[in-house]
Protein backbone atom coordinates (compact mmCIF):
# COMPACT_ATOMS: atom_id res chain seq x y z
CA MET A 1 15.89 11.96 -25.36
CA THR A 2 18.83 9.18 -25.90
CA LEU A 3 20.98 11.15 -23.62
CA LEU A 4 17.94 11.11 -20.85
CA SER A 5 17.58 7.77 -21.07
CA GLU A 6 20.69 6.56 -21.22
CA ILE A 7 21.34 9.11 -17.98
CA ALA A 8 18.01 7.84 -16.05
CA GLY A 9 18.98 3.86 -16.99
CA ARG A 10 22.33 4.35 -15.02
CA SER A 11 20.99 6.42 -12.52
CA LEU A 12 17.93 3.66 -11.80
CA ARG A 13 20.38 0.75 -12.29
CA LEU A 14 18.75 -1.09 -15.20
CA PRO A 15 20.44 -3.25 -17.37
CA ARG A 16 22.24 -1.99 -20.21
CA ALA A 17 20.01 -0.67 -22.81
CA GLN A 18 19.89 -2.67 -26.09
CA THR A 19 19.14 0.28 -28.66
CA HIS A 20 17.92 3.76 -27.56
CA ASP A 21 16.17 4.42 -31.56
CA VAL A 22 12.75 3.52 -30.07
CA LEU A 23 9.30 4.50 -32.44
CA LEU A 24 6.95 5.79 -30.48
CA GLN A 25 3.20 5.72 -32.41
CA ARG A 26 0.74 7.94 -30.21
CA ASP A 27 -3.15 7.56 -29.77
CA LEU A 28 -3.78 4.09 -30.80
CA PRO A 29 -7.42 3.57 -30.53
CA ALA A 30 -8.91 0.64 -28.70
CA THR A 31 -12.72 -0.02 -28.83
CA MET A 32 -14.20 -0.90 -25.83
CA ASP A 33 -17.07 -3.23 -25.25
CA ASP A 34 -19.49 -0.36 -24.61
CA GLY A 35 -18.81 1.57 -27.76
CA VAL A 36 -15.92 3.75 -25.76
CA VAL A 37 -12.87 4.17 -27.46
CA LEU A 38 -9.33 4.15 -24.93
CA LEU A 39 -6.15 5.49 -26.41
CA ALA A 40 -2.87 4.56 -25.99
CA ASP A 41 1.04 4.69 -27.71
CA ARG A 42 3.14 1.94 -28.23
CA TYR A 43 6.68 1.97 -28.16
CA VAL A 44 9.15 -0.39 -29.74
CA ALA A 45 12.67 -0.28 -31.14
CA ARG A 46 12.68 0.86 -34.43
CA ALA A 47 15.16 -1.75 -36.17
CA GLU A 48 12.04 -4.57 -34.75
CA ALA A 49 9.06 -2.24 -36.15
CA GLU A 50 10.78 -2.16 -39.44
CA LYS A 51 12.04 -5.21 -39.84
CA GLY A 52 10.60 -7.82 -42.45
CA ASP A 53 12.13 -11.27 -42.35
CA GLY A 54 8.89 -12.59 -40.42
CA SER A 55 10.66 -13.52 -37.37
CA PRO A 56 8.35 -13.18 -34.18
CA PRO A 57 8.08 -9.15 -32.68
CA PRO A 58 9.31 -8.70 -29.02
CA PRO A 59 6.65 -9.38 -26.23
CA THR A 60 3.99 -7.73 -25.68
CA VAL A 61 3.79 -5.62 -21.78
CA LEU A 62 0.65 -3.75 -21.79
CA VAL A 63 0.42 -0.61 -19.18
CA ARG A 64 -2.96 0.63 -18.13
CA THR A 65 -2.53 4.03 -16.33
CA PRO A 66 -5.42 6.54 -14.81
CA TYR A 67 -1.62 9.22 -15.02
CA GLY A 68 -1.49 9.86 -18.24
CA ARG A 69 0.46 8.30 -21.52
CA HIS A 70 3.78 11.27 -22.25
CA GLY A 71 5.85 12.31 -19.75
CA PHE A 72 6.89 10.50 -16.83
CA PHE A 73 4.88 7.17 -17.39
CA GLY A 74 5.35 6.89 -20.98
CA PHE A 75 9.69 7.52 -20.29
CA VAL A 76 9.63 5.05 -17.80
CA TYR A 77 6.88 2.43 -18.45
CA GLY A 78 7.27 2.95 -21.98
CA ARG A 79 10.49 3.94 -23.56
CA LEU A 80 13.33 2.31 -21.03
CA LEU A 81 11.47 -1.33 -21.00
CA ALA A 82 11.45 -0.79 -25.39
CA GLU A 83 15.11 0.02 -24.97
CA ARG A 84 15.77 -2.61 -22.96
CA GLY A 85 14.04 -5.83 -25.60
CA PHE A 86 10.23 -4.92 -25.14
CA GLN A 87 7.49 -3.49 -27.11
CA VAL A 88 4.92 -1.50 -24.56
CA VAL A 89 1.77 -0.61 -24.67
CA VAL A 90 0.99 2.78 -22.47
CA GLN A 91 -2.97 3.02 -21.89
CA SER A 92 -4.82 5.95 -20.63
CA VAL A 93 -7.57 3.92 -18.90
CA ARG A 94 -11.06 5.50 -19.34
CA GLY A 95 -11.81 9.10 -18.67
CA THR A 96 -7.82 10.15 -18.73
CA PHE A 97 -5.78 11.45 -20.66
CA GLY A 98 -7.96 11.19 -24.01
CA SER A 99 -9.55 8.31 -23.03
CA GLY A 100 -13.66 8.28 -23.98
CA GLY A 101 -15.84 7.80 -21.01
CA VAL A 102 -16.20 8.33 -17.38
CA LEU A 103 -13.71 7.27 -14.99
CA ARG A 104 -14.48 4.58 -12.76
CA PRO A 105 -11.99 4.18 -10.10
CA PHE A 106 -10.69 0.91 -9.51
CA ASP A 107 -13.45 -0.71 -12.36
CA GLU A 108 -10.62 -2.09 -14.50
CA ARG A 109 -11.95 -5.63 -15.58
CA ALA A 110 -14.05 -5.14 -18.90
CA ASP A 111 -11.63 -2.15 -20.10
CA GLY A 112 -8.71 -4.41 -19.25
CA LEU A 113 -10.18 -7.60 -20.70
CA ALA A 114 -11.60 -5.86 -24.06
CA THR A 115 -7.75 -4.33 -24.31
CA LEU A 116 -6.16 -7.72 -24.38
CA ARG A 117 -8.21 -8.81 -26.77
CA TRP A 118 -7.68 -5.71 -29.09
CA LEU A 119 -3.98 -6.52 -28.29
CA ARG A 120 -4.53 -10.30 -30.22
CA GLU A 121 -5.49 -8.15 -33.21
CA GLN A 122 -2.67 -6.45 -34.00
CA PRO A 123 0.09 -7.75 -36.45
CA TRP A 124 2.75 -6.96 -34.06
CA CYS A 125 1.51 -8.52 -30.78
CA ASP A 126 2.28 -12.56 -30.55
CA GLY A 127 2.67 -14.35 -27.94
CA PRO A 128 1.73 -14.34 -24.13
CA ILE A 129 1.43 -10.55 -22.80
CA GLY A 130 3.09 -9.31 -20.04
CA MET A 131 1.95 -6.28 -17.52
CA ILE A 132 3.52 -4.42 -14.93
CA GLY A 133 3.19 -0.93 -13.05
CA SER A 134 2.69 0.54 -9.61
CA SER A 135 -0.12 0.80 -7.46
CA TYR A 136 -3.98 1.69 -9.58
CA MET A 137 -1.45 0.40 -12.49
CA GLY A 138 -0.88 -2.87 -10.46
CA LEU A 139 -4.49 -3.04 -9.96
CA THR A 140 -5.00 -3.69 -13.73
CA GLN A 141 -3.28 -6.51 -14.04
CA TRP A 142 -4.91 -7.55 -10.81
CA ALA A 143 -8.31 -6.81 -13.20
CA VAL A 144 -7.05 -9.32 -16.04
CA ALA A 145 -4.96 -11.75 -14.17
CA ASN A 146 -7.33 -14.46 -14.85
CA ALA A 147 -8.09 -14.03 -18.42
CA SER A 148 -8.02 -17.19 -20.63
CA GLU A 149 -5.02 -19.54 -20.36
CA GLY A 150 -2.11 -18.01 -22.30
CA SER A 151 -3.12 -14.31 -22.74
CA ILE A 152 -1.21 -13.18 -19.74
CA GLY A 153 2.64 -14.78 -19.93
CA ALA A 154 3.66 -12.56 -16.66
CA LEU A 155 3.09 -10.07 -14.25
CA ALA A 156 4.66 -7.29 -12.04
CA PRO A 157 2.76 -5.16 -10.00
CA SER A 158 4.29 -3.36 -6.74
CA ILE A 159 3.36 -1.68 -4.23
CA THR A 160 -0.59 -2.73 -4.93
CA ALA A 161 -3.22 -5.45 -3.99
CA SER A 162 -5.94 -7.23 -5.65
CA GLN A 163 -8.79 -5.44 -4.00
CA PHE A 164 -8.32 -1.84 -2.71
CA HIS A 165 -11.22 -1.56 -0.04
CA GLY A 166 -9.08 -2.49 2.64
CA GLN A 167 -6.65 0.23 1.99
CA ALA A 168 -9.46 3.02 1.87
CA TYR A 169 -11.65 1.99 4.60
CA GLY A 170 -8.03 0.45 7.27
CA GLY A 171 -9.52 -0.81 10.20
CA GLY A 172 -13.54 0.75 9.19
CA SER A 173 -12.18 4.40 8.89
CA LEU A 174 -11.80 6.52 5.64
CA SER A 175 -7.74 6.83 5.07
CA LEU A 176 -8.71 10.51 4.88
CA ASP A 177 -5.00 11.00 3.76
CA THR A 178 -4.92 9.01 1.09
CA ALA A 179 -8.34 9.30 -0.17
CA LEU A 180 -8.11 13.15 -0.39
CA SER A 181 -4.65 13.33 -1.60
CA TRP A 182 -5.61 10.60 -5.05
CA THR A 183 -8.59 12.87 -5.13
CA LEU A 184 -6.46 15.84 -5.82
CA ILE A 185 -3.88 14.40 -8.26
CA ILE A 186 -7.10 13.20 -10.95
CA ALA A 187 -9.17 16.42 -10.73
CA ALA A 188 -5.58 18.28 -11.00
CA GLN A 189 -3.16 16.49 -13.37
CA GLU A 190 -4.89 16.82 -16.64
CA ARG A 191 -5.64 20.70 -15.97
CA ARG A 192 -3.49 24.11 -17.26
CA LEU A 193 -0.33 24.30 -15.07
CA ALA A 194 -0.98 20.86 -13.28
CA PRO A 195 2.29 20.61 -11.77
CA LEU A 196 1.84 24.16 -9.85
CA ARG A 197 -1.68 22.89 -8.72
CA LEU A 198 -0.83 19.83 -7.10
CA ILE A 199 1.82 21.44 -5.37
CA PHE A 200 -0.33 23.96 -4.08
CA GLY A 201 -3.05 22.35 -3.17
CA MET A 202 -0.60 19.37 -1.38
CA ARG A 203 1.12 22.10 0.87
CA ARG A 204 -2.40 24.48 1.49
CA LYS A 205 -5.47 23.50 0.03
CA LEU A 206 -5.24 19.51 1.51
CA PRO A 207 -3.87 20.26 5.28
CA ARG A 208 -6.73 22.93 5.19
CA ALA A 209 -9.33 20.57 3.77
CA PHE A 210 -8.33 17.70 6.27
CA ASP A 211 -9.59 19.48 9.68
CA ALA A 212 -12.64 20.59 7.65
CA LEU A 213 -16.13 19.25 8.10
CA PRO A 214 -18.23 17.31 6.63
CA LEU A 215 -15.82 15.07 4.88
CA ASN A 216 -18.48 14.32 2.11
CA GLU A 217 -17.73 18.13 0.97
CA LEU A 218 -13.62 18.17 1.04
CA ASP A 219 -13.26 17.23 -2.17
CA ALA A 220 -14.21 20.38 -3.24
CA LEU A 221 -12.09 21.93 -0.80
CA VAL A 222 -9.30 20.90 -2.60
CA ALA A 223 -10.43 20.06 -6.50
CA GLY A 224 -12.87 23.33 -6.38
CA GLU A 225 -15.84 21.38 -7.40
CA PRO A 226 -17.37 18.40 -6.38
CA VAL A 227 -15.98 14.99 -7.32
CA PRO A 228 -18.10 12.23 -7.64
CA PHE A 229 -16.36 9.49 -6.87
CA PHE A 230 -15.33 10.84 -3.74
CA ARG A 231 -18.44 11.55 -2.47
CA GLU A 232 -19.80 7.77 -3.77
CA TRP A 233 -16.60 6.24 -1.64
CA PHE A 234 -18.78 7.29 1.49
CA ASP A 235 -22.35 5.20 0.15
CA VAL A 236 -20.33 2.47 -0.60
CA ALA A 237 -18.15 1.56 2.28
CA ALA A 238 -19.08 -1.55 3.21
CA PRO A 239 -16.72 -4.13 1.81
CA ASP A 240 -19.82 -6.39 0.60
CA ASP A 241 -21.47 -3.47 -1.50
CA PRO A 242 -21.77 -3.87 -5.36
CA TYR A 243 -19.71 -0.97 -6.07
CA TRP A 244 -16.91 -3.18 -4.61
CA ALA A 245 -17.53 -6.50 -5.63
CA VAL A 246 -16.89 -5.54 -8.89
CA ARG A 247 -13.56 -4.24 -8.28
CA ASP A 248 -12.74 -7.19 -5.91
CA PHE A 249 -10.27 -9.42 -7.58
CA SER A 250 -8.96 -11.12 -4.67
CA ALA A 251 -11.40 -14.67 -5.11
CA ASP A 252 -9.34 -15.11 -8.27
CA VAL A 253 -5.75 -14.56 -6.39
CA ALA A 254 -5.32 -18.20 -6.11
CA GLY A 255 -6.41 -19.25 -9.83
CA VAL A 256 -4.25 -16.83 -11.76
CA THR A 257 -1.62 -19.33 -13.59
CA ALA A 258 0.77 -16.30 -14.72
CA PRO A 259 3.92 -15.58 -12.95
CA VAL A 260 3.50 -12.84 -10.58
CA GLN A 261 6.20 -11.14 -9.04
CA LEU A 262 4.73 -8.67 -5.95
CA ILE A 263 7.23 -5.49 -4.70
CA GLY A 264 5.65 -3.48 -1.63
CA GLY A 265 7.04 -1.78 1.59
CA TRP A 266 7.07 -1.92 4.98
CA GLN A 267 5.36 1.89 5.00
CA ASP A 268 3.46 1.26 2.01
CA ILE A 269 -0.27 1.77 2.56
CA PHE A 270 -1.27 -1.70 0.35
CA LEU A 271 1.20 -3.81 2.30
CA PRO A 272 -1.29 -5.61 3.96
CA TRP A 273 -3.41 -7.07 1.25
CA LEU A 274 -0.76 -7.57 -1.30
CA LEU A 275 1.21 -9.90 1.53
CA GLU A 276 -2.56 -11.49 1.12
CA ASP A 277 -2.06 -12.02 -2.45
CA TYR A 278 1.41 -13.56 -2.11
CA VAL A 279 -0.16 -16.23 0.43
CA ALA A 280 -2.28 -16.89 -2.00
CA LEU A 281 -0.40 -17.53 -4.67
CA ARG A 282 2.10 -19.78 -2.82
CA ARG A 283 -0.58 -21.78 -1.06
CA ALA A 284 -2.00 -22.44 -4.80
CA GLY A 285 1.42 -23.44 -5.73
CA ARG A 286 1.56 -20.50 -8.25
CA THR A 287 5.12 -19.28 -9.79
CA THR A 288 5.74 -16.14 -7.48
CA GLN A 289 8.42 -14.14 -5.81
CA LEU A 290 7.93 -11.50 -3.04
CA VAL A 291 10.34 -8.42 -2.85
CA VAL A 292 9.72 -5.72 0.62
CA GLY A 293 11.90 -3.29 1.21
CA PRO A 294 11.87 -0.11 3.21
CA TRP A 295 9.72 2.06 1.40
CA ALA A 296 6.57 4.08 1.65
CA HIS A 297 4.40 4.40 -1.73
CA THR A 298 6.23 7.20 -3.03
CA SER A 299 9.88 6.41 -2.01
CA THR A 300 12.41 7.07 -5.10
CA PRO A 301 14.20 3.83 -4.34
CA LEU A 302 11.28 1.73 -4.82
CA LEU A 303 10.61 2.58 -8.47
CA ALA A 304 14.10 2.22 -9.08
CA ARG A 305 14.06 -1.14 -7.23
CA SER A 306 10.59 -2.09 -8.79
CA LEU A 307 11.92 -1.54 -12.28
CA ARG A 308 14.92 -3.09 -12.24
CA GLU A 309 13.18 -6.26 -10.82
CA GLY A 310 10.48 -6.01 -13.14
CA ILE A 311 12.48 -5.58 -16.24
CA ALA A 312 14.21 -9.32 -15.16
CA TRP A 313 10.53 -11.01 -13.95
CA LEU A 314 9.48 -10.24 -17.61
CA ARG A 315 12.69 -11.13 -19.32
CA ALA A 316 12.68 -14.80 -17.51
CA HIS A 317 9.04 -15.51 -18.56
CA LEU A 318 8.17 -13.70 -21.65
CA LEU A 319 11.85 -14.16 -23.31
CA GLY A 320 13.13 -17.19 -21.26
CA ASP A 321 16.38 -15.22 -19.92
CA ARG A 322 16.75 -15.74 -16.30
CA ARG A 323 20.34 -14.38 -16.22
CA LEU A 324 18.95 -11.10 -14.62
CA LEU A 325 16.98 -12.87 -11.85
CA ASP A 326 17.30 -13.23 -8.82
CA GLU A 327 15.67 -16.84 -8.25
CA ALA A 328 15.03 -16.56 -4.25
CA PRO A 329 10.75 -16.87 -3.51
CA VAL A 330 11.02 -13.81 -0.99
CA ARG A 331 13.58 -10.68 -0.53
CA ILE A 332 13.01 -8.81 2.64
CA TRP A 333 14.85 -5.79 4.24
CA VAL A 334 14.88 -5.94 8.12
CA GLY A 335 14.71 -2.66 9.62
CA GLY A 336 16.98 -1.61 12.50
CA ILE A 337 20.27 -3.14 11.52
CA ALA A 338 22.92 -0.55 11.88
CA ARG A 339 24.30 -0.27 8.55
CA GLU A 340 27.53 1.15 9.98
CA ASN A 341 28.66 -2.37 10.65
CA GLY A 342 28.96 -3.72 7.55
CA GLU A 343 25.59 -6.03 7.96
CA ASP A 344 23.30 -6.40 5.00
CA PRO A 345 19.74 -5.97 5.94
CA TRP A 346 18.53 -7.70 2.90
CA ARG A 347 17.53 -11.11 4.48
CA THR A 348 16.68 -14.21 1.83
CA LEU A 349 13.39 -16.13 3.10
CA PRO A 350 11.90 -19.43 1.82
CA ASP A 351 8.30 -18.21 2.79
CA TRP A 352 6.09 -15.73 4.20
CA PRO A 353 5.74 -15.63 7.08
CA PRO A 354 8.58 -16.89 8.08
CA PRO A 355 8.06 -20.72 9.53
CA GLU A 356 10.11 -20.67 11.78
CA VAL A 357 8.80 -17.56 14.06
CA GLN A 358 7.01 -17.93 17.03
CA PRO A 359 4.54 -15.60 18.91
CA TRP A 360 6.21 -13.47 21.31
CA ARG A 361 3.06 -11.67 23.48
CA LEU A 362 4.05 -8.42 25.49
CA HIS A 363 1.91 -7.51 27.87
CA LEU A 364 0.45 -3.77 28.80
CA ARG A 365 1.58 -3.21 32.55
CA ALA A 366 0.30 -0.95 34.94
CA GLY A 367 2.28 2.12 35.25
CA GLY A 368 3.21 1.91 31.71
CA GLY A 369 5.29 -0.73 31.77
CA LEU A 370 5.28 -3.92 29.35
CA SER A 371 6.66 -7.17 29.90
CA GLU A 372 6.18 -10.84 29.25
CA GLU A 373 4.18 -11.11 32.10
CA ALA A 374 0.66 -10.61 32.25
CA GLN A 375 -0.49 -8.47 35.29
CA GLU A 376 -1.80 -9.50 38.24
CA GLY A 377 -4.66 -7.93 40.41
CA GLU A 378 -7.94 -6.38 39.47
CA SER A 379 -9.09 -3.22 38.17
CA GLU A 380 -5.94 -1.91 36.62
CA ARG A 381 -6.58 0.82 33.77
CA SER A 382 -5.01 3.24 32.15
CA ARG A 383 -7.20 5.90 30.69
CA PHE A 384 -7.49 9.43 28.30
CA THR A 385 -9.89 11.56 26.52
CA TYR A 386 -9.86 11.51 23.04
CA ASP A 387 -11.55 14.98 21.78
CA PRO A 388 -12.00 14.83 17.51
CA ASN A 389 -12.36 18.83 17.68
CA HIS A 390 -8.38 18.78 18.52
CA PRO A 391 -7.90 14.99 17.28
CA THR A 392 -4.45 13.07 18.01
CA PRO A 393 -2.85 13.72 14.99
CA SER A 394 -0.93 11.25 12.73
CA LEU A 395 2.92 11.16 12.94
CA GLY A 396 5.05 9.11 10.28
CA GLY A 397 3.41 5.59 9.38
CA PRO A 398 2.09 4.85 5.63
CA VAL A 399 0.24 7.41 3.41
CA LEU A 400 -0.30 8.04 -0.33
CA LEU A 401 1.99 10.75 -0.02
CA ALA A 402 4.60 10.26 2.98
CA ARG A 403 8.17 11.29 2.52
CA GLU A 404 9.04 10.15 5.48
CA PRO A 405 7.02 7.47 7.61
CA VAL A 406 9.53 6.60 10.27
CA LEU A 407 9.95 9.40 12.78
CA ASP A 408 10.99 9.96 16.09
CA ASN A 409 7.11 9.96 18.13
CA ARG A 410 8.12 11.56 21.24
CA PRO A 411 6.45 14.51 20.56
CA LEU A 412 3.24 12.61 20.02
CA GLU A 413 4.34 10.07 23.46
CA ALA A 414 4.16 13.37 25.31
CA ARG A 415 0.35 14.38 24.43
CA ASP A 416 -2.66 14.06 27.01
CA ASP A 417 -4.56 11.42 24.32
CA VAL A 418 -1.72 9.09 24.03
CA LEU A 419 -0.91 5.89 26.15
CA THR A 420 2.74 4.45 26.09
CA PHE A 421 3.54 0.92 27.53
CA THR A 422 7.66 0.75 27.75
CA GLY A 423 9.73 -2.39 27.81
CA ALA A 424 12.81 -2.91 29.97
CA PRO A 425 16.06 -2.57 27.92
CA LEU A 426 16.44 -5.56 25.44
CA ALA A 427 19.53 -7.95 26.66
CA HIS A 428 19.81 -9.31 23.31
CA ASP A 429 19.11 -8.18 19.53
CA VAL A 430 15.57 -9.67 19.14
CA GLU A 431 13.84 -9.96 15.25
CA ALA A 432 10.63 -9.84 14.65
CA ILE A 433 9.44 -11.15 11.60
CA GLY A 434 6.03 -11.21 10.09
CA PRO A 435 2.00 -10.57 11.33
CA VAL A 436 1.64 -8.12 14.31
CA GLN A 437 -1.37 -8.14 16.34
CA ALA A 438 -2.85 -6.19 18.94
CA ASP A 439 -5.05 -8.12 21.51
CA VAL A 440 -5.99 -4.86 24.03
CA TYR A 441 -9.42 -4.32 26.31
CA VAL A 442 -10.95 -0.88 26.51
CA ARG A 443 -13.90 0.98 27.72
CA THR A 444 -15.07 3.79 25.89
CA SER A 445 -18.02 6.40 27.02
CA SER A 446 -19.35 6.01 23.94
CA ALA A 447 -20.16 2.58 21.21
CA PHE A 448 -17.96 4.72 18.73
CA ALA A 449 -14.84 5.21 19.10
CA ASP A 450 -11.50 4.21 17.78
CA VAL A 451 -8.51 2.53 19.37
CA PHE A 452 -4.98 3.27 17.42
CA VAL A 453 -1.99 0.84 18.49
CA ARG A 454 1.56 1.27 17.41
CA ILE A 455 4.90 -0.41 18.41
CA CYS A 456 7.77 2.24 18.60
CA ASP A 457 11.68 1.13 18.77
CA VAL A 458 13.22 3.37 21.50
CA HIS A 459 16.96 3.80 20.75
CA PRO A 460 19.38 4.11 23.88
CA ASP A 461 19.78 7.90 23.03
CA GLY A 462 16.13 8.34 23.89
CA ARG A 463 14.70 8.24 20.25
CA SER A 464 11.15 6.98 19.89
CA LEU A 465 10.75 5.20 16.05
CA ASN A 466 7.97 4.15 14.70
CA VAL A 467 7.92 0.20 13.58
CA CYS A 468 4.65 -0.68 12.36
CA ASP A 469 1.08 -0.10 13.47
CA SER A 470 -2.91 -0.04 12.72
CA LEU A 471 -6.32 1.56 13.48
CA ILE A 472 -9.35 -0.65 14.02
CA ARG A 473 -13.47 1.34 14.26
CA LEU A 474 -15.65 0.38 17.14
CA THR A 475 -19.56 0.29 16.59
CA ASP A 476 -22.16 -0.50 18.20
CA ALA A 477 -22.42 -3.51 16.90
CA ALA A 478 -18.58 -4.56 17.40
CA PRO A 479 -17.13 -5.89 19.09
CA SER A 480 -19.27 -7.42 21.57
CA ILE A 481 -19.59 -5.65 24.68
CA ALA A 482 -19.12 -7.53 27.77
CA PRO A 483 -21.40 -7.20 31.26
CA ASP A 484 -18.97 -4.90 32.78
CA GLY A 485 -18.89 -2.55 29.40
CA THR A 486 -15.45 -3.30 28.48
CA ARG A 487 -14.50 -4.73 24.48
CA ARG A 488 -11.80 -7.06 23.89
CA VAL A 489 -10.21 -5.20 20.63
CA THR A 490 -8.35 -7.89 18.64
CA PHE A 491 -6.76 -6.35 15.08
CA GLU A 492 -3.58 -6.79 13.00
CA LEU A 493 -1.07 -4.25 12.86
CA TRP A 494 0.60 -3.53 9.74
CA PRO A 495 3.52 -6.69 8.80
CA THR A 496 7.05 -6.32 9.95
CA ALA A 497 10.50 -7.06 9.97
CA HIS A 498 12.78 -5.73 12.46
CA ARG A 499 15.52 -6.12 14.66
CA PHE A 500 15.28 -4.71 18.08
CA GLY A 501 18.75 -4.18 18.83
CA ALA A 502 20.37 -5.07 22.41
CA GLY A 503 20.12 -2.16 24.77
CA HIS A 504 16.81 -1.14 22.98
CA ARG A 505 13.26 -1.11 24.80
CA ILE A 506 10.04 -1.48 22.54
CA ARG A 507 7.24 0.86 23.16
CA VAL A 508 3.27 0.19 22.16
CA LEU A 509 1.52 3.74 22.24
CA VAL A 510 -2.54 3.56 22.26
CA ALA A 511 -4.83 6.21 20.92
CA GLY A 512 -8.00 6.99 20.11
CA GLY A 513 -7.50 8.34 16.69
CA ALA A 514 -4.34 9.44 13.69
CA HIS A 515 -5.71 12.22 12.28
CA PRO A 516 -5.67 12.66 9.04
CA ARG A 517 -4.39 9.41 8.19
CA TYR A 518 -7.60 7.95 9.28
CA ALA A 519 -11.16 10.83 9.21
CA ARG A 520 -11.58 10.97 12.60
CA ASN A 521 -14.73 9.16 14.67
CA ALA A 522 -16.85 11.74 15.86
CA GLY A 523 -18.16 10.15 18.88
CA THR A 524 -22.13 9.85 17.96
CA GLY A 525 -22.43 6.84 15.58
CA GLU A 526 -23.82 9.77 12.63
CA PRO A 527 -22.95 8.82 9.34
CA PRO A 528 -19.10 9.67 9.10
CA GLN A 529 -19.46 11.41 5.84
CA THR A 530 -22.39 13.85 7.40
CA ALA A 531 -21.36 14.40 10.53
CA THR A 532 -20.62 17.95 11.76
CA ARG A 533 -21.11 17.09 15.96
CA LEU A 534 -18.33 16.18 17.51
CA VAL A 535 -18.12 14.66 21.35
CA THR A 536 -14.76 13.51 23.60
CA VAL A 537 -14.92 9.99 24.27
CA GLU A 538 -13.10 8.64 28.01
CA HIS A 539 -10.89 5.78 26.99
CA GLU A 540 -10.02 3.29 29.59
CA VAL A 541 -7.31 0.32 28.49
CA LEU A 542 -7.52 -2.13 31.29
CA HIS A 543 -4.51 -4.56 32.09
CA ASP A 544 -5.28 -6.59 34.95
CA ALA A 545 -5.36 -10.61 35.53
CA ALA A 546 -9.25 -10.73 33.31
CA HIS A 547 -8.09 -8.17 31.05
CA PRO A 548 -4.61 -8.72 29.71
CA SER A 549 -4.07 -6.34 26.87
CA ALA A 550 -1.28 -7.11 25.13
CA ILE A 551 1.13 -6.94 21.54
CA GLU A 552 2.35 -9.68 19.64
CA LEU A 553 5.42 -9.78 18.09
CA PRO A 554 6.25 -12.78 15.87
CA ARG A 555 9.71 -13.41 16.89
CA ILE A 556 12.80 -14.74 15.38
CA ALA A 557 15.57 -14.53 17.60
CA ALA A 558 18.60 -12.74 16.25
CA ASP A 559 21.39 -15.72 17.26
CA GLY A 560 19.04 -18.11 15.70
């Protein structure tokens, strides 16, 4: 293990280990408020565990995970951190890997608070407690972030958010690819030959399930049996449902007094809501830091960066050692910068969003144009037909298991069910850093339809690379329908930091879906979980004087 941890530490570019002699105590039981016992493993330097001089123990770092205490997660968050000055407790959440009870996805506050109380009772735990981890392990941090003052000393959540409903039902449609992929992982991870089951499921079962109906039976296709929590999600889709109310910790973010470091990726599934958490902390005057890079949810470089940054953050706030910490409040990676020119794509900002950005409105034009000038005249429109029997596919973009989230979109743009609007070649570099908005006027043959908008960077060689996007679901209740049958659809796309180079063009793509990233819209208004009848929907995108459809980018001139 010494050799392995040395190799891992170097490959992840972690600070030098203080020791490789780590004591591992397995299966420590912690009793929850309802009597259920959860199991945890403790990692601590042997010299620290065996000393008897009465000196304070190393600060405790808690990791609560549904993915197991042993193997990868125990090694990365347990051993590697223990070698670098912490003692780490890695606990399996309820219903996973030997912990009692049944997994209740995202409902982690009660068990998290009980775990903190249990830690306080241990003779080896003294001083404020830190927490670290990504995704679900980040949510477990937000669940207890406002615990009684002094309990939490520092938090380092990455690629996560204080509430998961936004990601689960982005724009009102189930994030099908992510939801079903996570269901497969949870269902397979504790079974015999789990790695093989996961590989087979991802390559064979998931693609078949994505195209099947009804939605509420897809769990059985990937897991071999019904998965109760997957089916429950369809009955609690509304954000104000009691199911999500106990799992939504966003209202408490501004009151969190512990220093919080947030790390995200421009192509991560949680990015918009992670940035909301950062803004809430900053507005409340809390100690926080934001790092956003060119990563998707499962990017290996993201793991390395979040671990390095997290160790520096925890050392600064639990040990008072700021030598490894970059003090900048915001660091972002700006896409579109050619590294071969020697320019560093990383940028330091005073805050997010940057205070100097200006909204840059680009209008959709007749004939597929895109410009600052709105279309003149009347009744200018572009049409396409969305057929859920042959849904417009998703190509790139943020999903749970994305390996290449940025792709050449020309195959997608060539489809009959996709509209494109392209600007003239840029005379100079333009940087867009901040929130992005779509504002389009549509008329659809059914009140039940989806609108998907994507912005691409078109290179001089013709490659059209996706920058940011999002989808919104239309119903018979919203957005409201005007007397002429049109609806103004305004919604946020994924935030971005991207340089559109001189000679490049900006392209806007409009479609009626992005399957299987988002569950396709049946077009009938029937409950999406049970709908099996699919109808085609005619879409009109209007772009005339009365309906100035546009996208809005947060522009910063590259020279200023």
